[in-house]
Amino acid sequence: MKTAKTNAQQGDVVLRKVITAAGKVVSRGRCVLAEGEATGHAHIVDDEEAELLRDGERILLRLTRAATVVHEEHKPIRLSPGVWEIGRVQEYDYFSRMARPVAD
């Protein structure tokens, strides 16, 4: 499996490597990056050294070693060590002129 170095996407979750991380640790070990609204499935990193941080509206994943993001409906992706900002894919509705997160 190829290891992502700077950017990665799994379904509706987008991960972008950032330089630094600050924020409150909200979970360690088994980190749920995002939960599916329709299926109840989740994007998860299960690594005893992984930390999920909240910095205002931002959610960050801090990895001290390479780790794998798993989801029941998508191929696993491997992330290199470092700090990853977690985001959601956005879709734009031209009729309503609004952007919204894609629902998984």
PDB file of N, CA and C in Angstrom:
ATOM      1  N   MET A   1       0.846  -1.175   0.000  1.00  0.00           N
ATOM      2  CA  MET A   1       0.000   0.000   0.000  1.00  0.00           C
ATOM      3  C   MET A   1       0.895   1.243   0.000  1.00  0.00           C
ATOM      4  N   LYS A   2       0.590   2.177  -0.853  1.00  0.00           N
ATOM      5  CA  LYS A   2       1.331   3.425  -0.959  1.00  0.00           C
ATOM      6  C   LYS A   2       0.998   4.328   0.241  1.00  0.00           C
ATOM      7  N   THR A   3       1.999   5.039   0.731  1.00  0.00           N
ATOM      8  CA  THR A   3       1.804   5.937   1.870  1.00  0.00           C
ATOM      9  C   THR A   3       1.678   7.375   1.386  1.00  0.00           C
ATOM     10  N   ALA A   4       0.582   8.035   1.787  1.00  0.00           N
ATOM     11  CA  ALA A   4       0.355   9.438   1.426  1.00  0.00           C
ATOM     12  C   ALA A   4       1.325  10.325   2.195  1.00  0.00           C
ATOM     13  N   LYS A   5       1.920  11.280   1.499  1.00  0.00           N
ATOM     14  CA  LYS A   5       2.899  12.173   2.120  1.00  0.00           C
ATOM     15  C   LYS A   5       2.329  13.551   2.451  1.00  0.00           C
ATOM     16  N   THR A   6       1.450  14.108   1.584  1.00  0.00           N
ATOM     17  CA  THR A   6       0.964  15.478   1.817  1.00  0.00           C
ATOM     18  C   THR A   6      -0.549  15.630   1.719  1.00  0.00           C
ATOM     19  N   ASN A   7      -1.215  14.849   0.874  1.00  0.00           N
ATOM     20  CA  ASN A   7      -2.667  14.932   0.696  1.00  0.00           C
ATOM     21  C   ASN A   7      -3.226  13.534   0.507  1.00  0.00           C
ATOM     22  N   ALA A   8      -4.465  13.345   0.973  1.00  0.00           N
ATOM     23  CA  ALA A   8      -5.127  12.055   0.794  1.00  0.00           C
ATOM     24  C   ALA A   8      -6.635  12.266   0.834  1.00  0.00           C
ATOM     25  N   GLN A   9      -7.348  11.342   0.223  1.00  0.00           N
ATOM     26  CA  GLN A   9      -8.812  11.387   0.261  1.00  0.00           C
ATOM     27  C   GLN A   9      -9.336   9.967   0.366  1.00  0.00           C
ATOM     28  N   GLN A  10     -10.322   9.788   1.224  1.00  0.00           N
ATOM     29  CA  GLN A  10     -11.021   8.515   1.357  1.00  0.00           C
ATOM     30  C   GLN A  10     -12.508   8.849   1.397  1.00  0.00           C
ATOM     31  N   GLY A  11     -13.195   8.545   0.297  1.00  0.00           N
ATOM     32  CA  GLY A  11     -14.608   8.888   0.219  1.00  0.00           C
ATOM     33  C   GLY A  11     -14.802  10.381   0.344  1.00  0.00           C
ATOM     34  N   ASP A  12     -15.607  10.804   1.312  1.00  0.00           N
ATOM     35  CA  ASP A  12     -15.886  12.230   1.495  1.00  0.00           C
ATOM     36  C   ASP A  12     -14.932  12.918   2.469  1.00  0.00           C
ATOM     37  N   VAL A  13     -13.911  12.204   2.961  1.00  0.00           N
ATOM     38  CA  VAL A  13     -12.947  12.774   3.894  1.00  0.00           C
ATOM     39  C   VAL A  13     -11.663  13.148   3.148  1.00  0.00           C
ATOM     40  N   VAL A  14     -11.217  14.385   3.363  1.00  0.00           N
ATOM     41  CA  VAL A  14      -9.993  14.890   2.759  1.00  0.00           C
ATOM     42  C   VAL A  14      -8.993  15.153   3.875  1.00  0.00           C
ATOM     43  N   LEU A  15      -7.749  14.718   3.676  1.00  0.00           N
ATOM     44  CA  LEU A  15      -6.696  14.940   4.664  1.00  0.00           C
ATOM     45  C   LEU A  15      -5.563  15.711   4.014  1.00  0.00           C
ATOM     46  N   ARG A  16      -5.102  16.739   4.717  1.00  0.00           N
ATOM     47  CA  ARG A  16      -4.022  17.588   4.209  1.00  0.00           C
ATOM     48  C   ARG A  16      -2.993  17.745   5.315  1.00  0.00           C
ATOM     49  N   LYS A  17      -1.733  17.456   4.981  1.00  0.00           N
ATOM     50  CA  LYS A  17      -0.671  17.569   5.973  1.00  0.00           C
ATOM     51  C   LYS A  17      -0.390  19.038   6.261  1.00  0.00           C
ATOM     52  N   VAL A  18      -0.240  19.358   7.540  1.00  0.00           N
ATOM     53  CA  VAL A  18       0.051  20.728   7.969  1.00  0.00           C
ATOM     54  C   VAL A  18       1.355  20.730   8.774  1.00  0.00           C
ATOM     55  N   ILE A  19       1.885  21.906   8.980  1.00  0.00           N
ATOM     56  CA  ILE A  19       3.199  22.035   9.638  1.00  0.00           C
ATOM     57  C   ILE A  19       3.118  21.790  11.147  1.00  0.00           C
ATOM     58  N   THR A  20       2.185  22.452  11.821  1.00  0.00           N
ATOM     59  CA  THR A  20       2.139  22.360  13.282  1.00  0.00           C
ATOM     60  C   THR A  20       0.721  22.049  13.755  1.00  0.00           C
ATOM     61  N   ALA A  21       0.640  21.615  14.992  1.00  0.00           N
ATOM     62  CA  ALA A  21      -0.665  21.327  15.592  1.00  0.00           C
ATOM     63  C   ALA A  21      -0.725  21.921  16.982  1.00  0.00           C
ATOM     64  N   ALA A  22      -1.832  22.563  17.248  1.00  0.00           N
ATOM     65  CA  ALA A  22      -2.121  23.032  18.589  1.00  0.00           C
ATOM     66  C   ALA A  22      -3.590  22.748  18.807  1.00  0.00           C
ATOM     67  N   GLY A  23      -3.957  22.503  20.006  1.00  0.00           N
ATOM     68  CA  GLY A  23      -5.360  22.253  20.289  1.00  0.00           C
ATOM     69  C   GLY A  23      -5.518  21.250  21.403  1.00  0.00           C
ATOM     70  N   LYS A  24      -6.750  21.004  21.728  1.00  0.00           N
ATOM     71  CA  LYS A  24      -7.090  20.089  22.818  1.00  0.00           C
ATOM     72  C   LYS A  24      -7.213  18.668  22.270  1.00  0.00           C
ATOM     73  N   VAL A  25      -6.586  17.721  22.942  1.00  0.00           N
ATOM     74  CA  VAL A  25      -6.689  16.316  22.551  1.00  0.00           C
ATOM     75  C   VAL A  25      -8.090  15.828  22.899  1.00  0.00           C
ATOM     76  N   VAL A  26      -8.822  15.317  21.894  1.00  0.00           N
ATOM     77  CA  VAL A  26     -10.176  14.821  22.123  1.00  0.00           C
ATOM     78  C   VAL A  26     -10.249  13.300  22.126  1.00  0.00           C
ATOM     79  N   SER A  27      -9.253  12.630  21.528  1.00  0.00           N
ATOM     80  CA  SER A  27      -9.181  11.178  21.634  1.00  0.00           C
ATOM     81  C   SER A  27      -7.779  10.696  21.311  1.00  0.00           C
ATOM     82  N   ARG A  28      -7.470   9.522  21.859  1.00  0.00           N
ATOM     83  CA  ARG A  28      -6.180   8.866  21.619  1.00  0.00           C
ATOM     84  C   ARG A  28      -6.450   7.406  21.276  1.00  0.00           C
ATOM     85  N   GLY A  29      -5.554   6.853  20.465  1.00  0.00           N
ATOM     86  CA  GLY A  29      -5.686   5.429  20.135  1.00  0.00           C
ATOM     87  C   GLY A  29      -6.631   5.211  18.978  1.00  0.00           C
ATOM     88  N   ARG A  30      -7.873   4.941  19.254  1.00  0.00           N
ATOM     89  CA  ARG A  30      -8.887   4.758  18.203  1.00  0.00           C
ATOM     90  C   ARG A  30      -9.517   6.115  17.923  1.00  0.00           C
ATOM     91  N   CYS A  31      -9.142   6.713  16.788  1.00  0.00           N
ATOM     92  CA  CYS A  31      -9.595   8.056  16.434  1.00  0.00           C
ATOM     93  C   CYS A  31     -10.609   7.987  15.297  1.00  0.00           C
ATOM     94  N   VAL A  32     -11.817   8.454  15.545  1.00  0.00           N
ATOM     95  CA  VAL A  32     -12.863   8.504  14.521  1.00  0.00           C
ATOM     96  C   VAL A  32     -12.752   9.858  13.831  1.00  0.00           C
ATOM     97  N   LEU A  33     -12.343   9.829  12.547  1.00  0.00           N
ATOM     98  CA  LEU A  33     -12.136  11.062  11.791  1.00  0.00           C
ATOM     99  C   LEU A  33     -13.449  11.650  11.313  1.00  0.00           C
ATOM    100  N   ALA A  34     -14.382  10.787  10.914  1.00  0.00           N
ATOM    101  CA  ALA A  34     -15.699  11.235  10.450  1.00  0.00           C
ATOM    102  C   ALA A  34     -16.644  10.038  10.473  1.00  0.00           C
ATOM    103  N   GLU A  35     -17.902  10.307  10.775  1.00  0.00           N
ATOM    104  CA  GLU A  35     -18.934   9.270  10.758  1.00  0.00           C
ATOM    105  C   GLU A  35     -19.870   9.524   9.594  1.00  0.00           C
ATOM    106  N   GLY A  36     -20.296   8.453   8.939  1.00  0.00           N
ATOM    107  CA  GLY A  36     -21.221   8.578   7.817  1.00  0.00           C
ATOM    108  C   GLY A  36     -22.617   8.912   8.309  1.00  0.00           C
ATOM    109  N   GLU A  37     -23.266   9.849   7.626  1.00  0.00           N
ATOM    110  CA  GLU A  37     -24.618  10.251   8.004  1.00  0.00           C
ATOM    111  C   GLU A  37     -25.645   9.196   7.602  1.00  0.00           C
ATOM    112  N   ALA A  38     -25.451   8.559   6.464  1.00  0.00           N
ATOM    113  CA  ALA A  38     -26.445   7.624   5.933  1.00  0.00           C
ATOM    114  C   ALA A  38     -26.209   6.186   6.373  1.00  0.00           C
ATOM    115  N   THR A  39     -24.940   5.748   6.407  1.00  0.00           N
ATOM    116  CA  THR A  39     -24.653   4.333   6.643  1.00  0.00           C
ATOM    117  C   THR A  39     -24.267   3.995   8.066  1.00  0.00           C
ATOM    118  N   GLY A  40     -23.817   4.984   8.824  1.00  0.00           N
ATOM    119  CA  GLY A  40     -23.329   4.720  10.171  1.00  0.00           C
ATOM    120  C   GLY A  40     -21.893   4.230  10.196  1.00  0.00           C
ATOM    121  N   HIS A  41     -21.270   4.066   9.029  1.00  0.00           N
ATOM    122  CA  HIS A  41     -19.874   3.672   8.966  1.00  0.00           C
ATOM    123  C   HIS A  41     -18.995   4.860   9.335  1.00  0.00           C
ATOM    124  N   ALA A  42     -17.737   4.584   9.662  1.00  0.00           N
ATOM    125  CA  ALA A  42     -16.842   5.659  10.092  1.00  0.00           C
ATOM    126  C   ALA A  42     -15.457   5.505   9.468  1.00  0.00           C
ATOM    127  N   HIS A  43     -14.768   6.630   9.320  1.00  0.00           N
ATOM    128  CA  HIS A  43     -13.369   6.681   8.889  1.00  0.00           C
ATOM    129  C   HIS A  43     -12.555   6.673  10.184  1.00  0.00           C
ATOM    130  N   ILE A  44     -11.731   5.641  10.376  1.00  0.00           N
ATOM    131  CA  ILE A  44     -11.078   5.417  11.669  1.00  0.00           C
ATOM    132  C   ILE A  44      -9.587   5.159  11.506  1.00  0.00           C
ATOM    133  N   VAL A  45      -8.795   5.730  12.413  1.00  0.00           N
ATOM    134  CA  VAL A  45      -7.389   5.366  12.587  1.00  0.00           C
ATOM    135  C   VAL A  45      -7.312   4.689  13.945  1.00  0.00           C
ATOM    136  N   ASP A  46      -6.850   3.445  13.953  1.00  0.00           N
ATOM    137  CA  ASP A  46      -6.746   2.685  15.195  1.00  0.00           C
ATOM    138  C   ASP A  46      -5.270   2.417  15.467  1.00  0.00           C
ATOM    139  N   ASP A  47      -4.634   3.330  16.167  1.00  0.00           N
ATOM    140  CA  ASP A  47      -3.209   3.244  16.468  1.00  0.00           C
ATOM    141  C   ASP A  47      -3.003   3.842  17.848  1.00  0.00           C
ATOM    142  N   GLU A  48      -2.356   3.113  18.730  1.00  0.00           N
ATOM    143  CA  GLU A  48      -2.219   3.559  20.123  1.00  0.00           C
ATOM    144  C   GLU A  48      -1.520   4.905  20.275  1.00  0.00           C
ATOM    145  N   GLU A  49      -0.735   5.333  19.290  1.00  0.00           N
ATOM    146  CA  GLU A  49      -0.029   6.609  19.381  1.00  0.00           C
ATOM    147  C   GLU A  49      -0.748   7.755  18.666  1.00  0.00           C
ATOM    148  N   ALA A  50      -1.841   7.479  17.974  1.00  0.00           N
ATOM    149  CA  ALA A  50      -2.577   8.519  17.235  1.00  0.00           C
ATOM    150  C   ALA A  50      -3.349   9.408  18.211  1.00  0.00           C
ATOM    151  N   GLU A  51      -3.423  10.704  17.877  1.00  0.00           N
ATOM    152  CA  GLU A  51      -4.189  11.652  18.681  1.00  0.00           C
ATOM    153  C   GLU A  51      -5.054  12.501  17.765  1.00  0.00           C
ATOM    154  N   LEU A  52      -6.303  12.693  18.166  1.00  0.00           N
ATOM    155  CA  LEU A  52      -7.221  13.574  17.464  1.00  0.00           C
ATOM    156  C   LEU A  52      -7.315  14.866  18.270  1.00  0.00           C
ATOM    157  N   LEU A  53      -7.088  16.005  17.609  1.00  0.00           N
ATOM    158  CA  LEU A  53      -7.072  17.304  18.280  1.00  0.00           C
ATOM    159  C   LEU A  53      -8.163  18.203  17.732  1.00  0.00           C
ATOM    160  N   ARG A  54      -8.684  19.092  18.564  1.00  0.00           N
ATOM    161  CA  ARG A  54      -9.626  20.113  18.111  1.00  0.00           C
ATOM    162  C   ARG A  54      -8.986  21.474  18.390  1.00  0.00           C
ATOM    163  N   ASP A  55      -8.908  22.276  17.321  1.00  0.00           N
ATOM    164  CA  ASP A  55      -8.359  23.629  17.411  1.00  0.00           C
ATOM    165  C   ASP A  55      -9.410  24.571  16.832  1.00  0.00           C
ATOM    166  N   GLY A  56     -10.330  25.030  17.664  1.00  0.00           N
ATOM    167  CA  GLY A  56     -11.459  25.824  17.185  1.00  0.00           C
ATOM    168  C   GLY A  56     -12.342  24.948  16.312  1.00  0.00           C
ATOM    169  N   GLU A  57     -12.515  25.330  15.048  1.00  0.00           N
ATOM    170  CA  GLU A  57     -13.325  24.554  14.102  1.00  0.00           C
ATOM    171  C   GLU A  57     -12.518  23.456  13.419  1.00  0.00           C
ATOM    172  N   ARG A  58     -11.197  23.533  13.523  1.00  0.00           N
ATOM    173  CA  ARG A  58     -10.330  22.558  12.856  1.00  0.00           C
ATOM    174  C   ARG A  58     -10.236  21.263  13.655  1.00  0.00           C
ATOM    175  N   ILE A  59     -10.164  20.144  12.924  1.00  0.00           N
ATOM    176  CA  ILE A  59      -9.897  18.845  13.526  1.00  0.00           C
ATOM    177  C   ILE A  59      -8.598  18.343  12.928  1.00  0.00           C
ATOM    178  N   LEU A  60      -7.679  17.944  13.799  1.00  0.00           N
ATOM    179  CA  LEU A  60      -6.352  17.520  13.374  1.00  0.00           C
ATOM    180  C   LEU A  60      -6.057  16.119  13.876  1.00  0.00           C
ATOM    181  N   LEU A  61      -5.279  15.390  13.104  1.00  0.00           N
ATOM    182  CA  LEU A  61      -4.824  14.059  13.480  1.00  0.00           C
ATOM    183  C   LEU A  61      -3.308  14.105  13.585  1.00  0.00           C
ATOM    184  N   ARG A  62      -2.776  13.767  14.775  1.00  0.00           N
ATOM    185  CA  ARG A  62      -1.325  13.763  14.968  1.00  0.00           C
ATOM    186  C   ARG A  62      -0.844  12.310  15.010  1.00  0.00           C
ATOM    187  N   LEU A  63       0.092  11.995  14.104  1.00  0.00           N
ATOM    188  CA  LEU A  63       0.644  10.648  14.009  1.00  0.00           C
ATOM    189  C   LEU A  63       2.148  10.686  14.256  1.00  0.00           C
ATOM    190  N   THR A  64       2.635   9.853  15.171  1.00  0.00           N
ATOM    191  CA  THR A  64       4.073   9.770  15.417  1.00  0.00           C
ATOM    192  C   THR A  64       4.716   8.716  14.518  1.00  0.00           C
ATOM    193  N   ARG A  65       3.876   7.899  13.879  1.00  0.00           N
ATOM    194  CA  ARG A  65       4.352   6.893  12.928  1.00  0.00           C
ATOM    195  C   ARG A  65       3.275   6.712  11.868  1.00  0.00           C
ATOM    196  N   ALA A  66       3.614   6.062  10.774  1.00  0.00           N
ATOM    197  CA  ALA A  66       2.642   5.837   9.711  1.00  0.00           C
ATOM    198  C   ALA A  66       1.447   5.050  10.268  1.00  0.00           C
ATOM    199  N   ALA A  67       0.252   5.399   9.794  1.00  0.00           N
ATOM    200  CA  ALA A  67      -0.970   4.729  10.260  1.00  0.00           C
ATOM    201  C   ALA A  67      -1.946   4.619   9.098  1.00  0.00           C
ATOM    202  N   THR A  68      -2.924   3.735   9.251  1.00  0.00           N
ATOM    203  CA  THR A  68      -3.884   3.459   8.190  1.00  0.00           C
ATOM    204  C   THR A  68      -5.274   3.935   8.579  1.00  0.00           C
ATOM    205  N   VAL A  69      -5.940   4.616   7.632  1.00  0.00           N
ATOM    206  CA  VAL A  69      -7.332   5.032   7.799  1.00  0.00           C
ATOM    207  C   VAL A  69      -8.190   3.943   7.148  1.00  0.00           C
ATOM    208  N   VAL A  70      -9.152   3.414   7.905  1.00  0.00           N
ATOM    209  CA  VAL A  70     -10.027   2.363   7.384  1.00  0.00           C
ATOM    210  C   VAL A  70     -11.478   2.826   7.378  1.00  0.00           C
ATOM    211  N   HIS A  71     -12.240   2.225   6.468  1.00  0.00           N
ATOM    212  CA  HIS A  71     -13.675   2.480   6.330  1.00  0.00           C
ATOM    213  C   HIS A  71     -14.260   1.257   5.647  1.00  0.00           C
ATOM    214  N   GLU A  72     -15.460   0.879   6.032  1.00  0.00           N
ATOM    215  CA  GLU A  72     -16.075  -0.340   5.519  1.00  0.00           C
ATOM    216  C   GLU A  72     -16.308  -0.322   4.003  1.00  0.00           C
ATOM    217  N   GLU A  73     -16.507   0.847   3.414  1.00  0.00           N
ATOM    218  CA  GLU A  73     -16.857   0.932   1.992  1.00  0.00           C
ATOM    219  C   GLU A  73     -15.747   1.473   1.103  1.00  0.00           C
ATOM    220  N   HIS A  74     -14.577   1.781   1.672  1.00  0.00           N
ATOM    221  CA  HIS A  74     -13.486   2.353   0.887  1.00  0.00           C
ATOM    222  C   HIS A  74     -12.207   1.572   1.120  1.00  0.00           C
ATOM    223  N   LYS A  75     -11.275   1.693   0.172  1.00  0.00           N
ATOM    224  CA  LYS A  75      -9.958   1.090   0.343  1.00  0.00           C
ATOM    225  C   LYS A  75      -9.234   1.807   1.475  1.00  0.00           C
ATOM    226  N   PRO A  76      -8.441   1.084   2.259  1.00  0.00           N
ATOM    227  CA  PRO A  76      -7.660   1.745   3.311  1.00  0.00           C
ATOM    228  C   PRO A  76      -6.621   2.662   2.691  1.00  0.00           C
ATOM    229  N   ILE A  77      -6.273   3.725   3.413  1.00  0.00           N
ATOM    230  CA  ILE A  77      -5.195   4.606   2.980  1.00  0.00           C
ATOM    231  C   ILE A  77      -4.184   4.728   4.115  1.00  0.00           C
ATOM    232  N   ARG A  78      -2.926   4.788   3.740  1.00  0.00           N
ATOM    233  CA  ARG A  78      -1.834   4.881   4.705  1.00  0.00           C
ATOM    234  C   ARG A  78      -1.331   6.320   4.737  1.00  0.00           C
ATOM    235  N   LEU A  79      -1.196   6.874   5.933  1.00  0.00           N
ATOM    236  CA  LEU A  79      -0.721   8.244   6.119  1.00  0.00           C
ATOM    237  C   LEU A  79       0.670   8.230   6.740  1.00  0.00           C
ATOM    238  N   SER A  80       1.536   9.116   6.265  1.00  0.00           N
ATOM    239  CA  SER A  80       2.870   9.245   6.837  1.00  0.00           C
ATOM    240  C   SER A  80       2.774   9.960   8.192  1.00  0.00           C
ATOM    241  N   PRO A  81       3.804   9.843   9.016  1.00  0.00           N
ATOM    242  CA  PRO A  81       3.797  10.530  10.308  1.00  0.00           C
ATOM    243  C   PRO A  81       3.711  12.044  10.122  1.00  0.00           C
ATOM    244  N   GLY A  82       3.105  12.707  11.089  1.00  0.00           N
ATOM    245  CA  GLY A  82       2.969  14.161  11.055  1.00  0.00           C
ATOM    246  C   GLY A  82       1.581  14.574  11.506  1.00  0.00           C
ATOM    247  N   VAL A  83       1.220  15.805  11.174  1.00  0.00           N
ATOM    248  CA  VAL A  83      -0.079  16.352  11.568  1.00  0.00           C
ATOM    249  C   VAL A  83      -0.925  16.524  10.311  1.00  0.00           C
ATOM    250  N   TRP A  84      -2.141  15.998  10.354  1.00  0.00           N
ATOM    251  CA  TRP A  84      -3.056  16.024   9.217  1.00  0.00           C
ATOM    252  C   TRP A  84      -4.318  16.776   9.600  1.00  0.00           C
ATOM    253  N   GLU A  85      -4.707  17.749   8.772  1.00  0.00           N
ATOM    254  CA  GLU A  85      -5.977  18.444   8.968  1.00  0.00           C
ATOM    255  C   GLU A  85      -7.066  17.631   8.272  1.00  0.00           C
ATOM    256  N   ILE A  86      -8.168  17.431   8.953  1.00  0.00           N
ATOM    257  CA  ILE A  86      -9.261  16.614   8.426  1.00  0.00           C
ATOM    258  C   ILE A  86     -10.367  17.528   7.925  1.00  0.00           C
ATOM    259  N   GLY A  87     -10.767  17.304   6.702  1.00  0.00           N
ATOM    260  CA  GLY A  87     -11.835  18.099   6.108  1.00  0.00           C
ATOM    261  C   GLY A  87     -12.827  17.204   5.389  1.00  0.00           C
ATOM    262  N   ARG A  88     -13.878  17.798   4.871  1.00  0.00           N
ATOM    263  CA  ARG A  88     -14.899  17.070   4.120  1.00  0.00           C
ATOM    264  C   ARG A  88     -14.973  17.611   2.703  1.00  0.00           C
ATOM    265  N   VAL A  89     -15.210  16.740   1.752  1.00  0.00           N
ATOM    266  CA  VAL A  89     -15.412  17.154   0.371  1.00  0.00           C
ATOM    267  C   VAL A  89     -16.671  18.007   0.325  1.00  0.00           C
ATOM    268  N   GLN A  90     -16.604  19.104  -0.406  1.00  0.00           N
ATOM    269  CA  GLN A  90     -17.740  20.014  -0.537  1.00  0.00           C
ATOM    270  C   GLN A  90     -18.359  19.877  -1.928  1.00  0.00           C
ATOM    271  N   GLU A  91     -19.660  20.028  -1.997  1.00  0.00           N
ATOM    272  CA  GLU A  91     -20.337  20.105  -3.289  1.00  0.00           C
ATOM    273  C   GLU A  91     -21.039  21.452  -3.347  1.00  0.00           C
ATOM    274  N   TYR A  92     -21.164  21.989  -4.564  1.00  0.00           N
ATOM    275  CA  TYR A  92     -21.772  23.302  -4.733  1.00  0.00           C
ATOM    276  C   TYR A  92     -23.054  23.159  -5.531  1.00  0.00           C
ATOM    277  N   ASP A  93     -24.138  23.700  -4.994  1.00  0.00           N
ATOM    278  CA  ASP A  93     -25.442  23.696  -5.670  1.00  0.00           C
ATOM    279  C   ASP A  93     -25.600  25.058  -6.342  1.00  0.00           C
ATOM    280  N   TYR A  94     -25.514  25.071  -7.668  1.00  0.00           N
ATOM    281  CA  TYR A  94     -25.579  26.331  -8.411  1.00  0.00           C
ATOM    282  C   TYR A  94     -26.967  26.969  -8.366  1.00  0.00           C
ATOM    283  N   PHE A  95     -27.997  26.167  -8.153  1.00  0.00           N
ATOM    284  CA  PHE A  95     -29.350  26.732  -8.099  1.00  0.00           C
ATOM    285  C   PHE A  95     -29.572  27.493  -6.793  1.00  0.00           C
ATOM    286  N   SER A  96     -29.133  26.910  -5.683  1.00  0.00           N
ATOM    287  CA  SER A  96     -29.296  27.579  -4.387  1.00  0.00           C
ATOM    288  C   SER A  96     -28.091  28.448  -4.040  1.00  0.00           C
ATOM    289  N   ARG A  97     -27.015  28.332  -4.818  1.00  0.00           N
ATOM    290  CA  ARG A  97     -25.773  29.064  -4.596  1.00  0.00           C
ATOM    291  C   ARG A  97     -25.200  28.808  -3.214  1.00  0.00           C
ATOM    292  N   MET A  98     -25.182  27.530  -2.851  1.00  0.00           N
ATOM    293  CA  MET A  98     -24.676  27.141  -1.551  1.00  0.00           C
ATOM    294  C   MET A  98     -23.733  25.958  -1.680  1.00  0.00           C
ATOM    295  N   ALA A  99     -22.703  25.947  -0.845  1.00  0.00           N
ATOM    296  CA  ALA A  99     -21.806  24.802  -0.729  1.00  0.00           C
ATOM    297  C   ALA A  99     -22.215  24.015   0.500  1.00  0.00           C
ATOM    298  N   ARG A 100     -22.068  22.707   0.414  1.00  0.00           N
ATOM    299  CA  ARG A 100     -22.391  21.854   1.564  1.00  0.00           C
ATOM    300  C   ARG A 100     -21.491  20.626   1.538  1.00  0.00           C
ATOM    301  N   PRO A 101     -21.242  20.038   2.718  1.00  0.00           N
ATOM    302  CA  PRO A 101     -20.421  18.824   2.752  1.00  0.00           C
ATOM    303  C   PRO A 101     -21.138  17.681   2.046  1.00  0.00           C
ATOM    304  N   VAL A 102     -20.362  16.846   1.368  1.00  0.00           N
ATOM    305  CA  VAL A 102     -20.915  15.651   0.733  1.00  0.00           C
ATOM    306  C   VAL A 102     -21.262  14.666   1.840  1.00  0.00           C
ATOM    307  N   ALA A 103     -22.421  14.063   1.770  1.00  0.00           N
ATOM    308  CA  ALA A 103     -22.849  13.068   2.768  1.00  0.00           C
ATOM    309  C   ALA A 103     -22.402  11.689   2.311  1.00  0.00           C
ATOM    310  N   ASP A 104     -21.808  10.945   3.239  1.00  0.00           N
ATOM    311  CA  ASP A 104     -21.329   9.593   2.948  1.00  0.00           C
ATOM    312  C   ASP A 104     -22.342   8.587   3.421  1.00  0.00           C
TER     313      ASP A 104
END
